[in-house]
Amino acid sequence: MGAPTAGGQDGIISLWPTAFVQRRFPGHEGPNRELLALVREMENANRDLTTDYLTPDLFNTDHPGVNWLRAHVNQTVIDYFRYLGIDYPIDWTIQGWASINRFGDYHDAHNHPRAYLSGTYYVKIPTTMEKLKTRKDLRPGCITFYDPRGAVNMNAIRNDPYVDPEHTVRPEPGMLLMWPAFINHFVHPNLSKTTRVSISFNIMLKWSDHYLPDQT
């Protein structure tokens, strides 16, 4: 239970925020070429990286591109905890996998149970989409995150960031997104004949009792 706030406190308090990381890594072109070559090699070994993507753990691979990405993911996690003001040591592992989406491929709305944080790094993003005679509000290649507070959209009004029911990102190569793993997210269909290649990951905490909140 949190400590009560002072009754005489004035101002506006931001309650129940959700920290969301979106950052671009300079100099990603070379590592992305190495990562793409590795993913293609995995695919050529008769792996369907659209559906069969959970094993083996990509981040256990000693590979120049993976080593580069691992370092950036670890630093991002450190920055995340620092932003939250967590001032005690936390130990974690990265569990990751590559994914290839071809024309029409998508991922249903889901979250990542048993993980603390989840994220995706974008290696290759199509630049052109097929012109389809269909509805005009499609968001091909995007990823959408949904407000975890049930029925918050009942009070949604335009430009109020605290009740906007969803957040959509159009990824770019070299971009990393990271969010609390309980957030539901949906990967929109790839409507390009060019593949979309990404590397997703979970941050798994190595449990310690000192992580427990103060219940007094």
N, C-alpha and C. Protein backbone atom coordinates (compact mmCIF):
# COMPACT_ATOMS: atom_id res chain seq x y z
N MET A 1 0.85 -1.19 0.00
CA MET A 1 0.00 0.00 0.00
C MET A 1 0.88 1.24 0.00
N GLY A 2 0.55 2.21 -0.84
CA GLY A 2 1.33 3.43 -0.90
C GLY A 2 1.02 4.35 0.27
N ALA A 3 1.99 5.19 0.58
CA ALA A 3 1.80 6.15 1.66
C ALA A 3 0.78 7.19 1.24
N PRO A 4 -0.07 7.67 2.17
CA PRO A 4 -1.07 8.68 1.81
C PRO A 4 -0.40 10.00 1.47
N THR A 5 -1.00 10.72 0.52
CA THR A 5 -0.48 12.04 0.17
C THR A 5 -0.98 13.07 1.17
N ALA A 6 -0.27 14.16 1.27
CA ALA A 6 -0.65 15.22 2.19
C ALA A 6 -1.99 15.82 1.77
N GLY A 7 -2.88 16.00 2.75
CA GLY A 7 -4.21 16.47 2.44
C GLY A 7 -4.23 17.87 1.85
N GLY A 8 -3.21 18.67 2.17
CA GLY A 8 -3.20 20.03 1.67
C GLY A 8 -2.46 20.20 0.36
N GLN A 9 -2.11 19.09 -0.32
CA GLN A 9 -1.33 19.18 -1.56
C GLN A 9 -2.16 19.82 -2.66
N ASP A 10 -1.57 20.79 -3.35
CA ASP A 10 -2.25 21.44 -4.47
C ASP A 10 -1.62 20.99 -5.78
N GLY A 11 -2.36 21.18 -6.87
CA GLY A 11 -1.81 20.90 -8.19
C GLY A 11 -2.49 19.72 -8.85
N ILE A 12 -1.90 19.26 -9.95
CA ILE A 12 -2.42 18.14 -10.72
C ILE A 12 -1.46 16.96 -10.57
N ILE A 13 -2.00 15.83 -10.21
CA ILE A 13 -1.20 14.63 -9.98
C ILE A 13 -1.45 13.65 -11.12
N SER A 14 -0.39 13.09 -11.71
CA SER A 14 -0.52 12.10 -12.78
C SER A 14 -0.58 10.71 -12.14
N LEU A 15 -1.76 10.11 -12.15
CA LEU A 15 -1.95 8.80 -11.51
C LEU A 15 -1.93 7.68 -12.54
N TRP A 16 -1.36 6.57 -12.14
CA TRP A 16 -1.34 5.33 -12.93
C TRP A 16 -0.80 5.51 -14.34
N PRO A 17 0.33 6.18 -14.48
CA PRO A 17 0.89 6.32 -15.83
C PRO A 17 1.51 5.02 -16.30
N THR A 18 1.67 4.89 -17.59
CA THR A 18 2.32 3.73 -18.20
C THR A 18 3.55 4.23 -18.96
N ALA A 19 4.73 3.84 -18.49
CA ALA A 19 5.96 4.26 -19.17
C ALA A 19 6.14 3.42 -20.43
N PHE A 20 6.38 4.09 -21.55
CA PHE A 20 6.51 3.45 -22.85
C PHE A 20 7.77 3.99 -23.51
N VAL A 21 8.63 3.08 -23.97
CA VAL A 21 9.91 3.48 -24.55
C VAL A 21 9.82 3.42 -26.07
N GLN A 22 10.25 4.49 -26.71
CA GLN A 22 10.38 4.52 -28.17
C GLN A 22 11.67 5.27 -28.48
N ARG A 23 12.65 4.54 -29.03
CA ARG A 23 13.93 5.20 -29.32
C ARG A 23 14.53 4.63 -30.60
N ARG A 24 15.31 5.47 -31.26
CA ARG A 24 16.00 5.08 -32.49
C ARG A 24 17.50 5.04 -32.21
N PHE A 25 18.18 4.03 -32.73
CA PHE A 25 19.59 3.85 -32.49
C PHE A 25 20.39 4.35 -33.69
N PRO A 26 21.23 5.35 -33.51
CA PRO A 26 22.09 5.79 -34.61
C PRO A 26 23.10 4.70 -34.95
N GLY A 27 23.50 4.66 -36.21
CA GLY A 27 24.47 3.66 -36.64
C GLY A 27 23.92 2.26 -36.70
N HIS A 28 22.61 2.13 -36.91
CA HIS A 28 21.99 0.80 -36.90
C HIS A 28 22.14 0.07 -38.23
N GLU A 29 22.57 0.75 -39.28
CA GLU A 29 22.55 0.15 -40.62
C GLU A 29 23.42 -1.11 -40.69
N GLY A 30 24.66 -1.04 -40.20
CA GLY A 30 25.54 -2.21 -40.24
C GLY A 30 25.02 -3.35 -39.40
N PRO A 31 24.69 -3.14 -38.11
CA PRO A 31 24.12 -4.22 -37.31
C PRO A 31 22.83 -4.79 -37.90
N ASN A 32 22.00 -3.94 -38.51
CA ASN A 32 20.77 -4.46 -39.10
C ASN A 32 21.06 -5.41 -40.26
N ARG A 33 22.10 -5.09 -41.06
CA ARG A 33 22.46 -6.02 -42.14
C ARG A 33 22.91 -7.36 -41.57
N GLU A 34 23.67 -7.32 -40.48
CA GLU A 34 24.12 -8.57 -39.85
C GLU A 34 22.95 -9.34 -39.27
N LEU A 35 22.01 -8.64 -38.63
CA LEU A 35 20.84 -9.30 -38.06
C LEU A 35 19.97 -9.90 -39.15
N LEU A 36 19.81 -9.17 -40.24
CA LEU A 36 18.98 -9.69 -41.34
C LEU A 36 19.60 -10.94 -41.93
N ALA A 37 20.92 -10.95 -42.09
CA ALA A 37 21.59 -12.15 -42.62
C ALA A 37 21.39 -13.33 -41.67
N LEU A 38 21.45 -13.09 -40.37
CA LEU A 38 21.24 -14.16 -39.39
C LEU A 38 19.82 -14.69 -39.46
N VAL A 39 18.84 -13.79 -39.56
CA VAL A 39 17.45 -14.22 -39.62
C VAL A 39 17.19 -15.03 -40.89
N ARG A 40 17.76 -14.59 -42.02
CA ARG A 40 17.60 -15.36 -43.26
C ARG A 40 18.25 -16.74 -43.14
N GLU A 41 19.37 -16.81 -42.46
CA GLU A 41 20.03 -18.10 -42.24
C GLU A 41 19.13 -19.02 -41.41
N MET A 42 18.50 -18.47 -40.39
CA MET A 42 17.57 -19.25 -39.57
C MET A 42 16.39 -19.72 -40.41
N GLU A 43 15.89 -18.85 -41.27
CA GLU A 43 14.77 -19.21 -42.12
C GLU A 43 15.14 -20.30 -43.11
N ASN A 44 16.35 -20.24 -43.65
CA ASN A 44 16.79 -21.25 -44.61
C ASN A 44 16.98 -22.62 -43.99
N ALA A 45 17.03 -22.65 -42.66
CA ALA A 45 17.15 -23.93 -41.95
C ALA A 45 15.76 -24.51 -41.70
N ASN A 46 14.84 -24.24 -42.64
CA ASN A 46 13.48 -24.76 -42.59
C ASN A 46 12.72 -24.30 -41.35
N ARG A 47 12.93 -23.05 -40.95
CA ARG A 47 12.20 -22.47 -39.83
C ARG A 47 11.14 -21.52 -40.37
N ASP A 48 9.91 -21.66 -39.90
CA ASP A 48 8.86 -20.72 -40.24
C ASP A 48 8.85 -19.63 -39.18
N LEU A 49 9.50 -18.52 -39.49
CA LEU A 49 9.67 -17.47 -38.49
C LEU A 49 8.45 -16.56 -38.39
N THR A 50 7.34 -16.95 -39.04
CA THR A 50 6.08 -16.27 -38.79
C THR A 50 5.37 -16.90 -37.60
N THR A 51 5.49 -18.21 -37.45
CA THR A 51 4.79 -18.91 -36.37
C THR A 51 5.74 -19.68 -35.45
N ASP A 52 6.83 -20.20 -35.97
CA ASP A 52 7.76 -21.01 -35.17
C ASP A 52 8.95 -20.14 -34.78
N TYR A 53 8.74 -19.28 -33.78
CA TYR A 53 9.74 -18.27 -33.51
C TYR A 53 10.25 -18.24 -32.07
N LEU A 54 9.75 -19.10 -31.21
CA LEU A 54 10.08 -18.97 -29.79
C LEU A 54 11.36 -19.69 -29.39
N THR A 55 11.84 -20.64 -30.18
CA THR A 55 13.07 -21.34 -29.84
C THR A 55 13.97 -21.39 -31.07
N PRO A 56 15.28 -21.36 -30.93
CA PRO A 56 15.98 -21.13 -29.67
C PRO A 56 15.97 -19.64 -29.30
N ASP A 57 16.45 -19.32 -28.10
CA ASP A 57 16.50 -17.94 -27.65
C ASP A 57 17.57 -17.19 -28.44
N LEU A 58 17.14 -16.21 -29.22
CA LEU A 58 18.07 -15.50 -30.10
C LEU A 58 19.17 -14.80 -29.31
N PHE A 59 18.86 -14.30 -28.12
CA PHE A 59 19.83 -13.51 -27.37
C PHE A 59 20.90 -14.37 -26.69
N ASN A 60 20.78 -15.69 -26.81
CA ASN A 60 21.86 -16.57 -26.36
C ASN A 60 22.87 -16.83 -27.48
N THR A 61 22.68 -16.16 -28.62
CA THR A 61 23.57 -16.34 -29.76
C THR A 61 24.74 -15.36 -29.69
N ASP A 62 25.95 -15.88 -29.88
CA ASP A 62 27.14 -15.03 -29.95
C ASP A 62 27.33 -14.61 -31.41
N HIS A 63 26.82 -13.43 -31.72
CA HIS A 63 26.79 -12.95 -33.10
C HIS A 63 26.95 -11.44 -33.04
N PRO A 64 27.70 -10.84 -33.96
CA PRO A 64 27.96 -9.39 -33.87
C PRO A 64 26.69 -8.55 -33.80
N GLY A 65 25.72 -8.84 -34.66
CA GLY A 65 24.49 -8.06 -34.64
C GLY A 65 23.71 -8.26 -33.36
N VAL A 66 23.63 -9.51 -32.90
CA VAL A 66 22.90 -9.80 -31.66
C VAL A 66 23.61 -9.16 -30.47
N ASN A 67 24.94 -9.22 -30.46
CA ASN A 67 25.68 -8.60 -29.36
C ASN A 67 25.44 -7.09 -29.30
N TRP A 68 25.38 -6.47 -30.47
CA TRP A 68 25.08 -5.04 -30.54
C TRP A 68 23.69 -4.74 -30.00
N LEU A 69 22.72 -5.53 -30.43
CA LEU A 69 21.34 -5.31 -29.98
C LEU A 69 21.20 -5.60 -28.50
N ARG A 70 21.83 -6.67 -28.02
CA ARG A 70 21.74 -7.02 -26.60
C ARG A 70 22.22 -5.86 -25.73
N ALA A 71 23.33 -5.25 -26.12
CA ALA A 71 23.87 -4.14 -25.34
C ALA A 71 22.88 -2.97 -25.30
N HIS A 72 22.23 -2.69 -26.44
CA HIS A 72 21.27 -1.59 -26.49
C HIS A 72 20.01 -1.91 -25.68
N VAL A 73 19.56 -3.16 -25.74
CA VAL A 73 18.38 -3.53 -24.96
C VAL A 73 18.68 -3.42 -23.46
N ASN A 74 19.84 -3.93 -23.04
CA ASN A 74 20.19 -3.85 -21.62
C ASN A 74 20.28 -2.40 -21.16
N GLN A 75 20.86 -1.53 -21.98
CA GLN A 75 20.95 -0.13 -21.59
C GLN A 75 19.57 0.52 -21.53
N THR A 76 18.69 0.11 -22.44
CA THR A 76 17.33 0.64 -22.43
C THR A 76 16.60 0.23 -21.16
N VAL A 77 16.79 -1.01 -20.72
CA VAL A 77 16.17 -1.46 -19.48
C VAL A 77 16.71 -0.67 -18.29
N ILE A 78 18.01 -0.45 -18.27
CA ILE A 78 18.62 0.36 -17.20
C ILE A 78 17.99 1.76 -17.19
N ASP A 79 17.86 2.37 -18.37
CA ASP A 79 17.28 3.71 -18.47
C ASP A 79 15.82 3.71 -18.01
N TYR A 80 15.11 2.63 -18.31
CA TYR A 80 13.70 2.51 -17.91
C TYR A 80 13.57 2.51 -16.39
N PHE A 81 14.36 1.68 -15.73
CA PHE A 81 14.29 1.62 -14.27
C PHE A 81 14.74 2.94 -13.65
N ARG A 82 15.73 3.57 -14.26
CA ARG A 82 16.18 4.86 -13.75
C ARG A 82 15.05 5.90 -13.88
N TYR A 83 14.34 5.87 -14.99
CA TYR A 83 13.22 6.79 -15.19
C TYR A 83 12.15 6.58 -14.12
N LEU A 84 11.90 5.32 -13.76
CA LEU A 84 10.90 5.04 -12.75
C LEU A 84 11.35 5.44 -11.35
N GLY A 85 12.65 5.69 -11.17
CA GLY A 85 13.16 6.03 -9.85
C GLY A 85 13.48 4.82 -9.01
N ILE A 86 13.61 3.66 -9.62
CA ILE A 86 13.98 2.45 -8.88
C ILE A 86 15.47 2.51 -8.58
N ASP A 87 15.81 2.54 -7.29
CA ASP A 87 17.20 2.78 -6.89
C ASP A 87 17.83 1.56 -6.23
N TYR A 88 17.28 0.38 -6.46
CA TYR A 88 17.87 -0.84 -5.90
C TYR A 88 18.22 -1.78 -7.06
N PRO A 89 19.14 -2.70 -6.85
CA PRO A 89 19.60 -3.57 -7.96
C PRO A 89 18.51 -4.54 -8.41
N ILE A 90 18.41 -4.69 -9.73
CA ILE A 90 17.47 -5.63 -10.34
C ILE A 90 18.24 -6.45 -11.36
N ASP A 91 18.02 -7.74 -11.34
CA ASP A 91 18.70 -8.65 -12.25
C ASP A 91 17.67 -9.22 -13.22
N TRP A 92 18.04 -9.32 -14.49
CA TRP A 92 17.10 -9.82 -15.50
C TRP A 92 17.84 -10.57 -16.58
N THR A 93 17.08 -11.30 -17.37
CA THR A 93 17.58 -11.93 -18.59
C THR A 93 16.70 -11.47 -19.75
N ILE A 94 17.26 -11.55 -20.95
CA ILE A 94 16.52 -11.21 -22.16
C ILE A 94 16.17 -12.50 -22.90
N GLN A 95 14.90 -12.68 -23.19
CA GLN A 95 14.44 -13.82 -23.99
C GLN A 95 13.93 -13.26 -25.31
N GLY A 96 14.55 -13.64 -26.44
CA GLY A 96 14.19 -12.99 -27.69
C GLY A 96 14.02 -13.95 -28.85
N TRP A 97 13.37 -13.45 -29.89
CA TRP A 97 13.09 -14.26 -31.07
C TRP A 97 12.94 -13.34 -32.29
N ALA A 98 13.23 -13.90 -33.43
CA ALA A 98 13.06 -13.17 -34.69
C ALA A 98 11.71 -13.51 -35.30
N SER A 99 11.16 -12.57 -36.04
CA SER A 99 9.87 -12.78 -36.70
C SER A 99 9.91 -12.20 -38.11
N ILE A 100 9.41 -12.96 -39.07
CA ILE A 100 9.28 -12.51 -40.45
C ILE A 100 7.81 -12.48 -40.80
N ASN A 101 7.32 -11.33 -41.23
CA ASN A 101 5.93 -11.20 -41.67
C ASN A 101 5.90 -10.94 -43.17
N ARG A 102 5.19 -11.81 -43.87
CA ARG A 102 5.00 -11.64 -45.31
C ARG A 102 3.64 -10.99 -45.58
N PHE A 103 3.31 -10.90 -46.84
CA PHE A 103 2.07 -10.24 -47.23
C PHE A 103 0.87 -10.87 -46.49
N GLY A 104 0.13 -10.04 -45.81
CA GLY A 104 -1.07 -10.52 -45.09
C GLY A 104 -0.82 -10.98 -43.68
N ASP A 105 0.44 -11.19 -43.30
CA ASP A 105 0.74 -11.68 -41.94
C ASP A 105 0.47 -10.60 -40.91
N TYR A 106 0.00 -11.01 -39.75
CA TYR A 106 -0.26 -10.10 -38.64
C TYR A 106 -0.19 -10.90 -37.34
N HIS A 107 -0.26 -10.21 -36.21
CA HIS A 107 -0.32 -10.88 -34.91
C HIS A 107 -1.53 -10.36 -34.16
N ASP A 108 -2.38 -11.28 -33.71
CA ASP A 108 -3.57 -10.90 -32.95
C ASP A 108 -3.21 -10.11 -31.70
N ALA A 109 -4.18 -9.39 -31.16
CA ALA A 109 -3.97 -8.67 -29.90
C ALA A 109 -3.59 -9.67 -28.81
N HIS A 110 -2.52 -9.35 -28.08
CA HIS A 110 -2.01 -10.27 -27.07
C HIS A 110 -1.11 -9.50 -26.11
N ASN A 111 -0.77 -10.14 -25.01
CA ASN A 111 0.28 -9.63 -24.12
C ASN A 111 1.27 -10.76 -23.86
N HIS A 112 2.22 -10.54 -22.96
CA HIS A 112 3.30 -11.51 -22.75
C HIS A 112 3.33 -11.94 -21.29
N PRO A 113 2.60 -12.99 -20.93
CA PRO A 113 2.56 -13.44 -19.54
C PRO A 113 3.95 -13.82 -19.01
N ARG A 114 4.12 -13.63 -17.72
CA ARG A 114 5.32 -14.00 -16.95
C ARG A 114 6.52 -13.11 -17.23
N ALA A 115 6.41 -12.17 -18.16
CA ALA A 115 7.50 -11.23 -18.40
C ALA A 115 7.21 -9.93 -17.65
N TYR A 116 8.26 -9.15 -17.38
CA TYR A 116 8.08 -7.85 -16.74
C TYR A 116 7.95 -6.76 -17.80
N LEU A 117 8.82 -6.80 -18.80
CA LEU A 117 8.76 -5.88 -19.93
C LEU A 117 8.79 -6.68 -21.22
N SER A 118 8.25 -6.09 -22.27
CA SER A 118 8.35 -6.68 -23.60
C SER A 118 8.79 -5.60 -24.57
N GLY A 119 9.34 -6.02 -25.70
CA GLY A 119 9.78 -5.04 -26.67
C GLY A 119 9.98 -5.64 -28.04
N THR A 120 10.16 -4.76 -29.02
CA THR A 120 10.44 -5.18 -30.39
C THR A 120 11.46 -4.22 -30.99
N TYR A 121 12.42 -4.79 -31.70
CA TYR A 121 13.39 -4.00 -32.47
C TYR A 121 13.15 -4.29 -33.94
N TYR A 122 13.16 -3.24 -34.76
CA TYR A 122 12.80 -3.37 -36.17
C TYR A 122 14.05 -3.38 -37.05
N VAL A 123 14.19 -4.46 -37.78
CA VAL A 123 15.35 -4.69 -38.64
C VAL A 123 15.07 -4.23 -40.06
N LYS A 124 13.91 -4.60 -40.59
CA LYS A 124 13.58 -4.31 -42.00
C LYS A 124 12.09 -4.02 -42.09
N ILE A 125 11.76 -2.85 -42.66
CA ILE A 125 10.37 -2.42 -42.77
C ILE A 125 10.08 -2.11 -44.23
N PRO A 126 9.00 -2.65 -44.80
CA PRO A 126 8.66 -2.32 -46.19
C PRO A 126 8.39 -0.82 -46.35
N THR A 127 8.75 -0.30 -47.50
CA THR A 127 8.54 1.12 -47.77
C THR A 127 7.34 1.38 -48.67
N THR A 128 6.86 0.36 -49.36
CA THR A 128 5.69 0.52 -50.23
C THR A 128 4.67 -0.57 -49.92
N MET A 129 3.41 -0.21 -49.99
CA MET A 129 2.31 -1.15 -49.75
C MET A 129 1.53 -1.38 -51.02
N GLU A 130 0.91 -2.54 -51.12
CA GLU A 130 0.07 -2.85 -52.26
C GLU A 130 -1.18 -1.96 -52.23
N LYS A 131 -1.61 -1.52 -53.39
CA LYS A 131 -2.82 -0.70 -53.47
C LYS A 131 -4.02 -1.63 -53.57
N LEU A 132 -4.78 -1.68 -52.49
CA LEU A 132 -5.93 -2.57 -52.42
C LEU A 132 -7.21 -1.75 -52.44
N LYS A 133 -8.22 -2.28 -53.10
CA LYS A 133 -9.53 -1.63 -53.12
C LYS A 133 -10.30 -2.08 -51.89
N THR A 134 -10.00 -1.44 -50.78
CA THR A 134 -10.62 -1.82 -49.52
C THR A 134 -10.78 -0.57 -48.67
N ARG A 135 -11.08 -0.72 -47.43
CA ARG A 135 -11.31 0.42 -46.55
C ARG A 135 -10.05 1.28 -46.43
N LYS A 136 -10.24 2.58 -46.21
CA LYS A 136 -9.14 3.53 -46.24
C LYS A 136 -8.49 3.77 -44.88
N ASP A 137 -9.05 3.18 -43.82
CA ASP A 137 -8.50 3.44 -42.49
C ASP A 137 -7.56 2.34 -42.02
N LEU A 138 -7.08 1.51 -42.94
CA LEU A 138 -6.12 0.47 -42.57
C LEU A 138 -4.80 1.11 -42.14
N ARG A 139 -4.08 0.43 -41.25
CA ARG A 139 -2.77 0.91 -40.79
C ARG A 139 -1.73 -0.19 -41.01
N PRO A 140 -1.45 -0.52 -42.26
CA PRO A 140 -0.56 -1.66 -42.55
C PRO A 140 0.82 -1.45 -41.97
N GLY A 141 1.36 -2.51 -41.38
CA GLY A 141 2.72 -2.47 -40.85
C GLY A 141 2.85 -1.79 -39.51
N CYS A 142 1.78 -1.24 -38.97
CA CYS A 142 1.85 -0.54 -37.68
C CYS A 142 1.67 -1.52 -36.52
N ILE A 143 1.92 -1.02 -35.32
CA ILE A 143 1.65 -1.77 -34.11
C ILE A 143 0.84 -0.86 -33.19
N THR A 144 -0.23 -1.39 -32.62
CA THR A 144 -1.12 -0.62 -31.76
C THR A 144 -1.12 -1.20 -30.35
N PHE A 145 -1.04 -0.30 -29.36
CA PHE A 145 -1.07 -0.66 -27.94
C PHE A 145 -2.36 -0.14 -27.34
N TYR A 146 -2.95 -0.94 -26.43
CA TYR A 146 -4.26 -0.62 -25.89
C TYR A 146 -4.18 -0.30 -24.40
N ASP A 147 -4.95 0.69 -24.00
CA ASP A 147 -5.02 1.10 -22.60
C ASP A 147 -5.45 -0.10 -21.75
N PRO A 148 -4.67 -0.45 -20.72
CA PRO A 148 -5.01 -1.64 -19.92
C PRO A 148 -6.17 -1.42 -18.96
N ARG A 149 -6.62 -0.18 -18.79
CA ARG A 149 -7.73 0.08 -17.87
C ARG A 149 -9.05 -0.24 -18.57
N GLY A 150 -9.76 -1.20 -18.05
CA GLY A 150 -10.99 -1.64 -18.70
C GLY A 150 -12.00 -0.52 -18.86
N ALA A 151 -12.59 -0.42 -20.03
CA ALA A 151 -13.66 0.52 -20.35
C ALA A 151 -13.25 1.98 -20.24
N VAL A 152 -11.93 2.28 -20.26
CA VAL A 152 -11.52 3.68 -20.18
C VAL A 152 -12.00 4.47 -21.38
N ASN A 153 -12.24 3.79 -22.50
CA ASN A 153 -12.71 4.48 -23.69
C ASN A 153 -14.11 5.07 -23.51
N MET A 154 -14.81 4.67 -22.45
CA MET A 154 -16.13 5.24 -22.17
C MET A 154 -16.05 6.76 -21.97
N ASN A 155 -14.87 7.23 -21.47
CA ASN A 155 -14.70 8.65 -21.19
C ASN A 155 -13.74 9.33 -22.15
N ALA A 156 -13.42 8.69 -23.26
CA ALA A 156 -12.40 9.22 -24.15
C ALA A 156 -12.90 10.46 -24.88
N ILE A 157 -12.08 11.51 -24.84
CA ILE A 157 -12.32 12.68 -25.67
C ILE A 157 -11.01 13.03 -26.37
N ARG A 158 -11.11 13.68 -27.49
CA ARG A 158 -9.95 13.98 -28.33
C ARG A 158 -8.92 14.82 -27.58
N ASN A 159 -7.64 14.42 -27.72
CA ASN A 159 -6.47 15.13 -27.17
C ASN A 159 -6.28 14.98 -25.67
N ASP A 160 -7.09 14.19 -25.00
CA ASP A 160 -6.85 13.90 -23.58
C ASP A 160 -5.97 12.66 -23.50
N PRO A 161 -4.67 12.79 -23.18
CA PRO A 161 -3.77 11.64 -23.23
C PRO A 161 -4.07 10.58 -22.19
N TYR A 162 -4.86 10.91 -21.18
CA TYR A 162 -5.11 9.95 -20.10
C TYR A 162 -6.30 9.05 -20.36
N VAL A 163 -7.05 9.30 -21.43
CA VAL A 163 -8.15 8.40 -21.75
C VAL A 163 -8.14 7.98 -23.22
N ASP A 164 -7.07 8.25 -23.93
CA ASP A 164 -6.97 7.77 -25.30
C ASP A 164 -6.86 6.25 -25.26
N PRO A 165 -7.80 5.51 -25.88
CA PRO A 165 -7.82 4.06 -25.70
C PRO A 165 -6.71 3.31 -26.41
N GLU A 166 -5.99 3.96 -27.33
CA GLU A 166 -4.93 3.22 -28.02
C GLU A 166 -3.82 4.16 -28.47
N HIS A 167 -2.66 3.54 -28.71
CA HIS A 167 -1.48 4.28 -29.19
C HIS A 167 -0.89 3.47 -30.33
N THR A 168 -0.77 4.08 -31.51
CA THR A 168 -0.29 3.37 -32.70
C THR A 168 1.04 3.96 -33.15
N VAL A 169 1.97 3.07 -33.50
CA VAL A 169 3.29 3.46 -33.95
C VAL A 169 3.52 2.87 -35.34
N ARG A 170 4.08 3.69 -36.24
CA ARG A 170 4.53 3.17 -37.53
C ARG A 170 6.04 2.97 -37.42
N PRO A 171 6.50 1.73 -37.30
CA PRO A 171 7.93 1.48 -37.02
C PRO A 171 8.83 1.87 -38.19
N GLU A 172 10.10 2.05 -37.84
CA GLU A 172 11.15 2.32 -38.81
C GLU A 172 12.34 1.41 -38.48
N PRO A 173 13.17 1.09 -39.46
CA PRO A 173 14.39 0.33 -39.16
C PRO A 173 15.24 1.08 -38.14
N GLY A 174 15.77 0.34 -37.18
CA GLY A 174 16.58 0.96 -36.15
C GLY A 174 15.80 1.45 -34.96
N MET A 175 14.48 1.24 -34.94
CA MET A 175 13.64 1.68 -33.84
C MET A 175 13.41 0.54 -32.86
N LEU A 176 13.46 0.87 -31.58
CA LEU A 176 13.13 -0.08 -30.52
C LEU A 176 11.95 0.45 -29.73
N LEU A 177 10.97 -0.41 -29.49
CA LEU A 177 9.84 -0.12 -28.63
C LEU A 177 9.89 -1.06 -27.44
N MET A 178 9.55 -0.56 -26.25
CA MET A 178 9.53 -1.40 -25.05
C MET A 178 8.42 -0.91 -24.14
N TRP A 179 7.70 -1.85 -23.51
CA TRP A 179 6.51 -1.50 -22.74
C TRP A 179 6.30 -2.56 -21.65
N PRO A 180 5.49 -2.25 -20.63
CA PRO A 180 5.14 -3.27 -19.63
C PRO A 180 4.45 -4.45 -20.30
N ALA A 181 4.84 -5.65 -19.92
CA ALA A 181 4.44 -6.84 -20.66
C ALA A 181 2.94 -7.13 -20.59
N PHE A 182 2.23 -6.52 -19.64
CA PHE A 182 0.79 -6.79 -19.54
C PHE A 182 -0.02 -6.00 -20.56
N ILE A 183 0.61 -5.07 -21.28
CA ILE A 183 -0.12 -4.24 -22.24
C ILE A 183 -0.49 -5.08 -23.47
N ASN A 184 -1.76 -5.08 -23.82
CA ASN A 184 -2.19 -5.76 -25.04
C ASN A 184 -1.77 -4.93 -26.26
N HIS A 185 -1.30 -5.63 -27.29
CA HIS A 185 -0.87 -4.95 -28.50
C HIS A 185 -1.21 -5.82 -29.71
N PHE A 186 -1.37 -5.14 -30.84
CA PHE A 186 -1.79 -5.79 -32.08
C PHE A 186 -0.88 -5.35 -33.21
N VAL A 187 -0.33 -6.31 -33.95
CA VAL A 187 0.53 -6.02 -35.09
C VAL A 187 -0.34 -6.07 -36.35
N HIS A 188 -0.50 -4.93 -36.99
CA HIS A 188 -1.37 -4.85 -38.16
C HIS A 188 -0.78 -5.63 -39.33
N PRO A 189 -1.62 -6.06 -40.27
CA PRO A 189 -1.14 -6.87 -41.39
C PRO A 189 -0.08 -6.15 -42.22
N ASN A 190 0.86 -6.93 -42.69
CA ASN A 190 1.83 -6.44 -43.66
C ASN A 190 1.17 -6.49 -45.04
N LEU A 191 0.96 -5.35 -45.65
CA LEU A 191 0.31 -5.30 -46.96
C LEU A 191 1.31 -4.98 -48.06
N SER A 192 2.53 -5.46 -47.86
CA SER A 192 3.58 -5.30 -48.87
C SER A 192 4.08 -6.67 -49.30
N LYS A 193 4.51 -6.76 -50.54
CA LYS A 193 5.13 -8.01 -51.01
C LYS A 193 6.54 -8.15 -50.45
N THR A 194 7.06 -7.10 -49.81
CA THR A 194 8.36 -7.14 -49.14
C THR A 194 8.17 -7.57 -47.69
N THR A 195 9.05 -8.41 -47.19
CA THR A 195 8.90 -8.92 -45.83
C THR A 195 9.22 -7.84 -44.79
N ARG A 196 8.59 -7.99 -43.65
CA ARG A 196 8.88 -7.17 -42.48
C ARG A 196 9.61 -8.05 -41.48
N VAL A 197 10.80 -7.62 -41.04
CA VAL A 197 11.63 -8.43 -40.15
C VAL A 197 11.83 -7.66 -38.85
N SER A 198 11.57 -8.32 -37.75
CA SER A 198 11.73 -7.71 -36.44
C SER A 198 12.27 -8.73 -35.45
N ILE A 199 12.78 -8.21 -34.34
CA ILE A 199 13.25 -9.06 -33.25
C ILE A 199 12.54 -8.60 -31.98
N SER A 200 11.76 -9.50 -31.40
CA SER A 200 11.02 -9.18 -30.19
C SER A 200 11.70 -9.84 -29.00
N PHE A 201 11.37 -9.33 -27.82
CA PHE A 201 12.03 -9.86 -26.62
C PHE A 201 11.16 -9.64 -25.39
N ASN A 202 11.42 -10.43 -24.38
CA ASN A 202 10.86 -10.26 -23.05
C ASN A 202 11.99 -10.02 -22.06
N ILE A 203 11.74 -9.16 -21.10
CA ILE A 203 12.65 -8.96 -19.98
C ILE A 203 12.11 -9.77 -18.82
N MET A 204 12.85 -10.82 -18.46
CA MET A 204 12.44 -11.74 -17.40
C MET A 204 13.26 -11.42 -16.14
N LEU A 205 12.58 -11.05 -15.07
CA LEU A 205 13.28 -10.73 -13.83
C LEU A 205 13.73 -12.00 -13.13
N LYS A 206 14.96 -11.98 -12.64
CA LYS A 206 15.44 -13.03 -11.75
C LYS A 206 14.98 -12.64 -10.34
N TRP A 207 14.02 -13.38 -9.82
CA TRP A 207 13.28 -12.92 -8.65
C TRP A 207 14.17 -12.80 -7.41
N SER A 208 13.87 -11.75 -6.64
CA SER A 208 14.48 -11.55 -5.34
C SER A 208 13.44 -10.94 -4.43
N ASP A 209 13.42 -11.31 -3.17
CA ASP A 209 12.39 -10.82 -2.26
C ASP A 209 12.47 -9.30 -2.06
N HIS A 210 13.62 -8.70 -2.33
CA HIS A 210 13.70 -7.25 -2.11
C HIS A 210 12.97 -6.46 -3.20
N TYR A 211 12.43 -7.17 -4.21
CA TYR A 211 11.59 -6.50 -5.20
C TYR A 211 10.20 -6.19 -4.63
N LEU A 212 9.80 -6.88 -3.56
CA LEU A 212 8.44 -6.74 -3.04
C LEU A 212 8.17 -5.31 -2.59
N PRO A 213 6.99 -4.75 -2.95
CA PRO A 213 6.65 -3.39 -2.49
C PRO A 213 6.52 -3.34 -0.97
N ASP A 214 6.71 -2.16 -0.41
CA ASP A 214 6.51 -1.95 1.02
C ASP A 214 5.01 -2.03 1.31
N GLN A 215 4.60 -2.98 2.14
CA GLN A 215 3.20 -3.18 2.45
C GLN A 215 2.78 -2.52 3.75
N THR A 216 3.68 -1.79 4.38
CA THR A 216 3.35 -1.18 5.66
C THR A 216 2.60 0.13 5.48
